[in-house]
């Protein structure tokens, strides 16, 4: 995410983006899955929002359309972190003793570390 905006999912399952300069919080998707964790990621250009789900998947949502464009499956357990590459083309996620790298355009897994 840009240095001025951070993503979050609150306990009510609402995806939010907090602007750190204006202190304005934008709720942009009120119906995240009930098993979503609160550790989310926002691409540097603020166009993609990624959130972990406790079933081990990573969901990537287009912020403008509020549509999930990819569901990455590969972890065997719930994971607790994800991050976009600076150019937004990759997402890294990890917990189950692996870090998995995903292509945000194709949805393909690129590498398992």
N, C-alpha and C. Protein backbone atom coordinates (compact mmCIF):
# COMPACT_ATOMS: atom_id res chain seq x y z
N UNK A 1 0.85 -1.18 0.00
CA UNK A 1 0.00 0.00 0.00
C UNK A 1 0.88 1.24 0.00
N UNK A 2 0.30 2.31 -0.40
CA UNK A 2 1.07 3.54 -0.34
C UNK A 2 1.38 3.83 1.12
N UNK A 3 2.37 4.67 1.35
CA UNK A 3 2.77 4.97 2.73
C UNK A 3 1.68 5.71 3.49
N UNK A 4 0.65 6.12 2.80
CA UNK A 4 -0.41 6.90 3.44
C UNK A 4 -1.69 6.11 3.70
N UNK A 5 -1.76 4.85 3.23
CA UNK A 5 -2.98 4.08 3.39
C UNK A 5 -2.65 2.66 3.85
N UNK A 6 -3.44 2.15 4.79
CA UNK A 6 -3.24 0.79 5.28
C UNK A 6 -4.57 0.03 5.23
N UNK A 7 -4.49 -1.27 4.96
CA UNK A 7 -5.71 -2.10 4.90
C UNK A 7 -5.99 -2.78 6.24
N UNK A 8 -7.23 -3.20 6.42
CA UNK A 8 -7.61 -3.96 7.61
C UNK A 8 -8.95 -4.63 7.38
N UNK A 9 -9.19 -5.68 8.13
CA UNK A 9 -10.51 -6.30 8.18
C UNK A 9 -10.87 -6.36 9.66
N UNK A 10 -12.00 -5.78 10.01
CA UNK A 10 -12.35 -5.74 11.43
C UNK A 10 -13.14 -6.97 11.84
N UNK A 11 -13.39 -7.18 13.13
CA UNK A 11 -14.12 -8.37 13.60
C UNK A 11 -15.53 -8.49 13.02
N UNK A 12 -16.08 -7.41 12.51
CA UNK A 12 -17.41 -7.46 11.90
C UNK A 12 -17.35 -7.87 10.44
N UNK A 13 -16.16 -8.28 9.95
CA UNK A 13 -15.93 -8.75 8.59
C UNK A 13 -16.06 -7.63 7.56
N UNK A 14 -15.69 -6.43 7.93
CA UNK A 14 -15.74 -5.31 7.00
C UNK A 14 -14.32 -4.94 6.60
N UNK A 15 -14.07 -4.94 5.28
CA UNK A 15 -12.77 -4.54 4.76
C UNK A 15 -12.68 -3.03 4.80
N UNK A 16 -11.54 -2.53 5.27
CA UNK A 16 -11.37 -1.09 5.42
C UNK A 16 -10.00 -0.67 4.92
N UNK A 17 -9.95 0.56 4.44
CA UNK A 17 -8.67 1.18 4.11
C UNK A 17 -8.61 2.49 4.89
N UNK A 18 -7.56 2.61 5.70
CA UNK A 18 -7.38 3.79 6.55
C UNK A 18 -6.39 4.74 5.89
N UNK A 19 -6.81 5.97 5.68
CA UNK A 19 -5.91 7.01 5.18
C UNK A 19 -5.22 7.63 6.39
N UNK A 20 -3.91 7.52 6.44
CA UNK A 20 -3.17 7.99 7.62
C UNK A 20 -3.00 9.50 7.67
N UNK A 21 -3.18 10.17 6.55
CA UNK A 21 -3.05 11.63 6.53
C UNK A 21 -4.35 12.28 6.98
N UNK A 22 -5.45 11.88 6.36
CA UNK A 22 -6.74 12.50 6.68
C UNK A 22 -7.45 11.81 7.85
N UNK A 23 -6.97 10.62 8.24
CA UNK A 23 -7.60 9.80 9.28
C UNK A 23 -8.99 9.34 8.88
N UNK A 24 -9.29 9.32 7.58
CA UNK A 24 -10.57 8.84 7.09
C UNK A 24 -10.47 7.35 6.82
N UNK A 25 -11.46 6.60 7.27
CA UNK A 25 -11.52 5.16 7.03
C UNK A 25 -12.61 4.90 6.00
N UNK A 26 -12.25 4.14 4.97
CA UNK A 26 -13.22 3.78 3.93
C UNK A 26 -13.58 2.32 4.09
N UNK A 27 -14.87 2.04 4.28
CA UNK A 27 -15.38 0.68 4.27
C UNK A 27 -15.74 0.37 2.82
N UNK A 28 -15.14 -0.68 2.27
CA UNK A 28 -15.43 -0.91 0.86
C UNK A 28 -16.00 -2.27 0.54
N UNK A 29 -16.10 -3.16 1.49
CA UNK A 29 -16.71 -4.46 1.20
C UNK A 29 -17.28 -5.04 2.48
N UNK A 30 -18.59 -5.00 2.66
CA UNK A 30 -19.18 -5.39 3.93
C UNK A 30 -19.35 -6.89 4.15
N UNK A 31 -19.04 -7.73 3.15
CA UNK A 31 -19.35 -9.15 3.33
C UNK A 31 -18.14 -10.05 3.09
N UNK A 32 -17.11 -9.87 3.89
CA UNK A 32 -15.99 -10.79 3.83
C UNK A 32 -16.40 -12.10 4.50
N UNK A 33 -15.73 -13.20 4.17
CA UNK A 33 -16.09 -14.48 4.79
C UNK A 33 -15.97 -14.41 6.32
N UNK A 34 -16.75 -15.23 7.00
CA UNK A 34 -16.73 -15.21 8.46
C UNK A 34 -15.41 -15.71 9.03
N UNK A 35 -14.64 -16.44 8.25
CA UNK A 35 -13.37 -16.98 8.74
C UNK A 35 -12.17 -16.21 8.22
N UNK A 36 -12.37 -14.95 7.85
CA UNK A 36 -11.25 -14.12 7.42
C UNK A 36 -10.42 -13.69 8.63
N UNK A 37 -9.11 -13.60 8.43
CA UNK A 37 -8.28 -13.07 9.49
C UNK A 37 -8.14 -11.57 9.29
N UNK A 38 -7.52 -10.89 10.22
CA UNK A 38 -7.44 -9.44 10.13
C UNK A 38 -6.14 -8.94 9.52
N UNK A 39 -5.31 -9.83 9.01
CA UNK A 39 -4.02 -9.45 8.45
C UNK A 39 -4.12 -9.33 6.94
N UNK A 40 -4.38 -8.16 6.46
CA UNK A 40 -4.65 -7.92 5.05
C UNK A 40 -3.49 -7.18 4.39
N UNK A 41 -3.54 -7.11 3.06
CA UNK A 41 -2.51 -6.38 2.31
C UNK A 41 -3.18 -5.57 1.21
N UNK A 42 -2.57 -4.44 0.90
CA UNK A 42 -3.05 -3.55 -0.15
C UNK A 42 -1.90 -3.31 -1.11
N UNK A 43 -2.17 -3.42 -2.42
CA UNK A 43 -1.10 -3.19 -3.39
C UNK A 43 -0.67 -1.73 -3.35
N UNK A 44 0.54 -1.45 -3.81
CA UNK A 44 1.11 -0.10 -3.74
C UNK A 44 0.26 0.93 -4.49
N UNK A 45 -0.41 0.49 -5.55
CA UNK A 45 -1.26 1.43 -6.29
C UNK A 45 -2.69 1.45 -5.76
N UNK A 46 -2.95 0.77 -4.65
CA UNK A 46 -4.25 0.74 -3.97
C UNK A 46 -5.36 0.12 -4.81
N UNK A 47 -5.03 -0.73 -5.78
CA UNK A 47 -6.06 -1.33 -6.63
C UNK A 47 -6.44 -2.75 -6.21
N UNK A 48 -5.56 -3.43 -5.47
CA UNK A 48 -5.83 -4.81 -5.07
C UNK A 48 -5.77 -4.94 -3.55
N UNK A 49 -6.70 -5.68 -2.99
CA UNK A 49 -6.80 -5.93 -1.56
C UNK A 49 -6.73 -7.44 -1.37
N UNK A 50 -5.76 -7.92 -0.62
CA UNK A 50 -5.63 -9.35 -0.36
C UNK A 50 -5.93 -9.63 1.10
N UNK A 51 -6.65 -10.73 1.32
CA UNK A 51 -6.95 -11.09 2.70
C UNK A 51 -6.87 -12.60 2.89
N UNK A 52 -6.32 -13.02 4.02
CA UNK A 52 -6.22 -14.44 4.33
C UNK A 52 -7.53 -14.96 4.91
N UNK A 53 -7.81 -16.21 4.58
CA UNK A 53 -8.97 -16.89 5.15
C UNK A 53 -8.45 -18.09 5.92
N UNK A 54 -9.09 -18.41 7.01
CA UNK A 54 -8.58 -19.44 7.91
C UNK A 54 -8.56 -20.84 7.30
N UNK A 55 -9.10 -21.00 6.08
CA UNK A 55 -9.01 -22.31 5.41
C UNK A 55 -7.70 -22.45 4.63
N UNK A 56 -6.81 -21.45 4.74
CA UNK A 56 -5.51 -21.51 4.08
C UNK A 56 -5.48 -20.87 2.71
N UNK A 57 -6.57 -20.25 2.28
CA UNK A 57 -6.60 -19.59 0.98
C UNK A 57 -6.28 -18.10 1.12
N UNK A 58 -5.86 -17.51 0.00
CA UNK A 58 -5.62 -16.07 -0.09
C UNK A 58 -6.62 -15.54 -1.12
N UNK A 59 -7.43 -14.58 -0.73
CA UNK A 59 -8.38 -13.97 -1.65
C UNK A 59 -7.85 -12.61 -2.09
N UNK A 60 -7.93 -12.35 -3.39
CA UNK A 60 -7.48 -11.07 -3.93
C UNK A 60 -8.69 -10.38 -4.55
N UNK A 61 -8.97 -9.18 -4.06
CA UNK A 61 -10.13 -8.43 -4.51
C UNK A 61 -9.70 -7.17 -5.26
N UNK A 62 -10.39 -6.89 -6.35
CA UNK A 62 -10.22 -5.62 -7.05
C UNK A 62 -10.95 -4.56 -6.22
N UNK A 63 -10.24 -3.54 -5.78
CA UNK A 63 -10.83 -2.54 -4.89
C UNK A 63 -11.96 -1.78 -5.57
N UNK A 64 -11.77 -1.40 -6.83
CA UNK A 64 -12.79 -0.59 -7.52
C UNK A 64 -14.09 -1.34 -7.73
N UNK A 65 -14.01 -2.59 -8.18
CA UNK A 65 -15.22 -3.36 -8.49
C UNK A 65 -15.74 -4.16 -7.30
N UNK A 66 -14.90 -4.32 -6.26
CA UNK A 66 -15.23 -5.12 -5.08
C UNK A 66 -15.48 -6.58 -5.43
N UNK A 67 -14.81 -7.06 -6.46
CA UNK A 67 -14.95 -8.43 -6.93
C UNK A 67 -13.68 -9.20 -6.60
N UNK A 68 -13.84 -10.40 -6.05
CA UNK A 68 -12.69 -11.27 -5.82
C UNK A 68 -12.23 -11.80 -7.18
N UNK A 69 -10.99 -11.49 -7.54
CA UNK A 69 -10.49 -11.88 -8.86
C UNK A 69 -9.65 -13.15 -8.80
N UNK A 70 -9.13 -13.51 -7.62
CA UNK A 70 -8.37 -14.74 -7.46
C UNK A 70 -8.59 -15.30 -6.06
N UNK A 71 -8.58 -16.62 -5.98
CA UNK A 71 -8.50 -17.32 -4.70
C UNK A 71 -7.32 -18.27 -4.83
N UNK A 72 -6.26 -17.97 -4.11
CA UNK A 72 -5.04 -18.78 -4.16
C UNK A 72 -5.15 -19.91 -3.16
N UNK A 73 -4.97 -21.13 -3.65
CA UNK A 73 -5.03 -22.32 -2.80
C UNK A 73 -3.69 -23.02 -2.85
N UNK A 74 -3.16 -23.36 -1.70
CA UNK A 74 -1.88 -24.04 -1.67
C UNK A 74 -1.37 -24.30 -0.27
N UNK A 75 -1.78 -23.49 0.67
CA UNK A 75 -1.35 -23.70 2.05
C UNK A 75 -2.16 -24.85 2.66
N UNK A 76 -1.53 -25.59 3.53
CA UNK A 76 -2.21 -26.70 4.19
C UNK A 76 -2.81 -26.31 5.52
N UNK A 77 -2.46 -25.13 5.99
CA UNK A 77 -3.00 -24.62 7.25
C UNK A 77 -3.34 -23.15 7.06
N UNK A 78 -4.02 -22.61 8.04
CA UNK A 78 -4.27 -21.17 8.04
C UNK A 78 -2.94 -20.44 8.06
N UNK A 79 -2.83 -19.38 7.31
CA UNK A 79 -1.59 -18.62 7.33
C UNK A 79 -1.85 -17.28 7.98
N UNK A 80 -0.79 -16.61 8.35
CA UNK A 80 -1.00 -15.38 9.11
C UNK A 80 -0.37 -14.15 8.50
N UNK A 81 0.07 -14.22 7.24
CA UNK A 81 0.64 -13.02 6.65
C UNK A 81 0.56 -13.08 5.13
N UNK A 82 0.48 -11.92 4.54
CA UNK A 82 0.58 -11.80 3.09
C UNK A 82 1.07 -10.39 2.78
N UNK A 83 1.76 -10.27 1.65
CA UNK A 83 2.29 -8.97 1.25
C UNK A 83 2.44 -8.91 -0.26
N UNK A 84 2.19 -7.74 -0.80
CA UNK A 84 2.39 -7.51 -2.23
C UNK A 84 3.83 -7.11 -2.49
N UNK A 85 4.33 -7.45 -3.67
CA UNK A 85 5.61 -6.92 -4.12
C UNK A 85 5.41 -5.42 -4.41
N UNK A 86 6.49 -4.64 -4.45
CA UNK A 86 6.34 -3.20 -4.68
C UNK A 86 5.59 -2.85 -5.98
N UNK A 87 5.73 -3.67 -7.03
CA UNK A 87 5.03 -3.39 -8.28
C UNK A 87 3.62 -3.98 -8.32
N UNK A 88 3.23 -4.71 -7.28
CA UNK A 88 1.89 -5.29 -7.20
C UNK A 88 1.68 -6.53 -8.04
N UNK A 89 2.71 -7.04 -8.68
CA UNK A 89 2.57 -8.20 -9.56
C UNK A 89 2.63 -9.53 -8.83
N UNK A 90 3.12 -9.52 -7.60
CA UNK A 90 3.26 -10.75 -6.83
C UNK A 90 2.69 -10.58 -5.43
N UNK A 91 2.25 -11.70 -4.86
CA UNK A 91 1.86 -11.75 -3.45
C UNK A 91 2.63 -12.90 -2.83
N UNK A 92 3.17 -12.66 -1.64
CA UNK A 92 3.80 -13.71 -0.85
C UNK A 92 2.89 -13.99 0.34
N UNK A 93 2.69 -15.26 0.65
CA UNK A 93 1.89 -15.64 1.81
C UNK A 93 2.59 -16.78 2.53
N UNK A 94 2.39 -16.87 3.85
CA UNK A 94 3.07 -17.94 4.55
C UNK A 94 2.56 -18.23 5.94
N UNK A 95 2.79 -19.45 6.38
CA UNK A 95 2.65 -19.90 7.76
C UNK A 95 3.00 -21.37 7.89
N UNK A 96 2.42 -22.23 7.10
CA UNK A 96 2.53 -23.68 7.27
C UNK A 96 3.92 -24.21 6.89
N UNK A 97 4.93 -23.56 7.39
CA UNK A 97 6.34 -23.85 7.11
C UNK A 97 6.73 -23.52 5.67
N UNK A 98 5.85 -22.87 4.91
CA UNK A 98 6.18 -22.47 3.55
C UNK A 98 5.85 -21.00 3.35
N UNK A 99 6.55 -20.40 2.39
CA UNK A 99 6.16 -19.10 1.85
C UNK A 99 5.81 -19.37 0.40
N UNK A 100 4.63 -18.94 -0.01
CA UNK A 100 4.20 -19.18 -1.38
C UNK A 100 4.10 -17.86 -2.12
N UNK A 101 4.57 -17.88 -3.35
CA UNK A 101 4.59 -16.68 -4.19
C UNK A 101 3.56 -16.87 -5.30
N UNK A 102 2.72 -15.86 -5.50
CA UNK A 102 1.61 -15.92 -6.45
C UNK A 102 1.69 -14.76 -7.43
N UNK A 103 1.28 -15.00 -8.66
CA UNK A 103 1.19 -13.97 -9.69
C UNK A 103 -0.20 -13.34 -9.61
N UNK A 104 -0.28 -12.03 -9.38
CA UNK A 104 -1.59 -11.39 -9.19
C UNK A 104 -2.37 -11.24 -10.49
N UNK A 105 -1.71 -11.31 -11.63
CA UNK A 105 -2.42 -11.19 -12.90
C UNK A 105 -3.02 -12.52 -13.34
N UNK A 106 -2.22 -13.58 -13.26
CA UNK A 106 -2.69 -14.89 -13.74
C UNK A 106 -3.32 -15.74 -12.66
N UNK A 107 -2.99 -15.45 -11.39
CA UNK A 107 -3.49 -16.27 -10.29
C UNK A 107 -2.68 -17.53 -10.09
N UNK A 108 -1.58 -17.69 -10.79
CA UNK A 108 -0.77 -18.90 -10.71
C UNK A 108 0.24 -18.83 -9.57
N UNK A 109 0.46 -19.97 -8.93
CA UNK A 109 1.52 -20.07 -7.95
C UNK A 109 2.85 -20.12 -8.70
N UNK A 110 3.78 -19.29 -8.29
CA UNK A 110 5.07 -19.20 -8.98
C UNK A 110 6.13 -20.01 -8.27
N UNK A 111 6.11 -19.97 -6.93
CA UNK A 111 7.18 -20.63 -6.20
C UNK A 111 6.73 -20.95 -4.79
N UNK A 112 7.31 -22.02 -4.22
CA UNK A 112 7.09 -22.38 -2.82
C UNK A 112 8.47 -22.42 -2.17
N UNK A 113 8.65 -21.66 -1.13
CA UNK A 113 9.92 -21.62 -0.42
C UNK A 113 9.81 -22.38 0.89
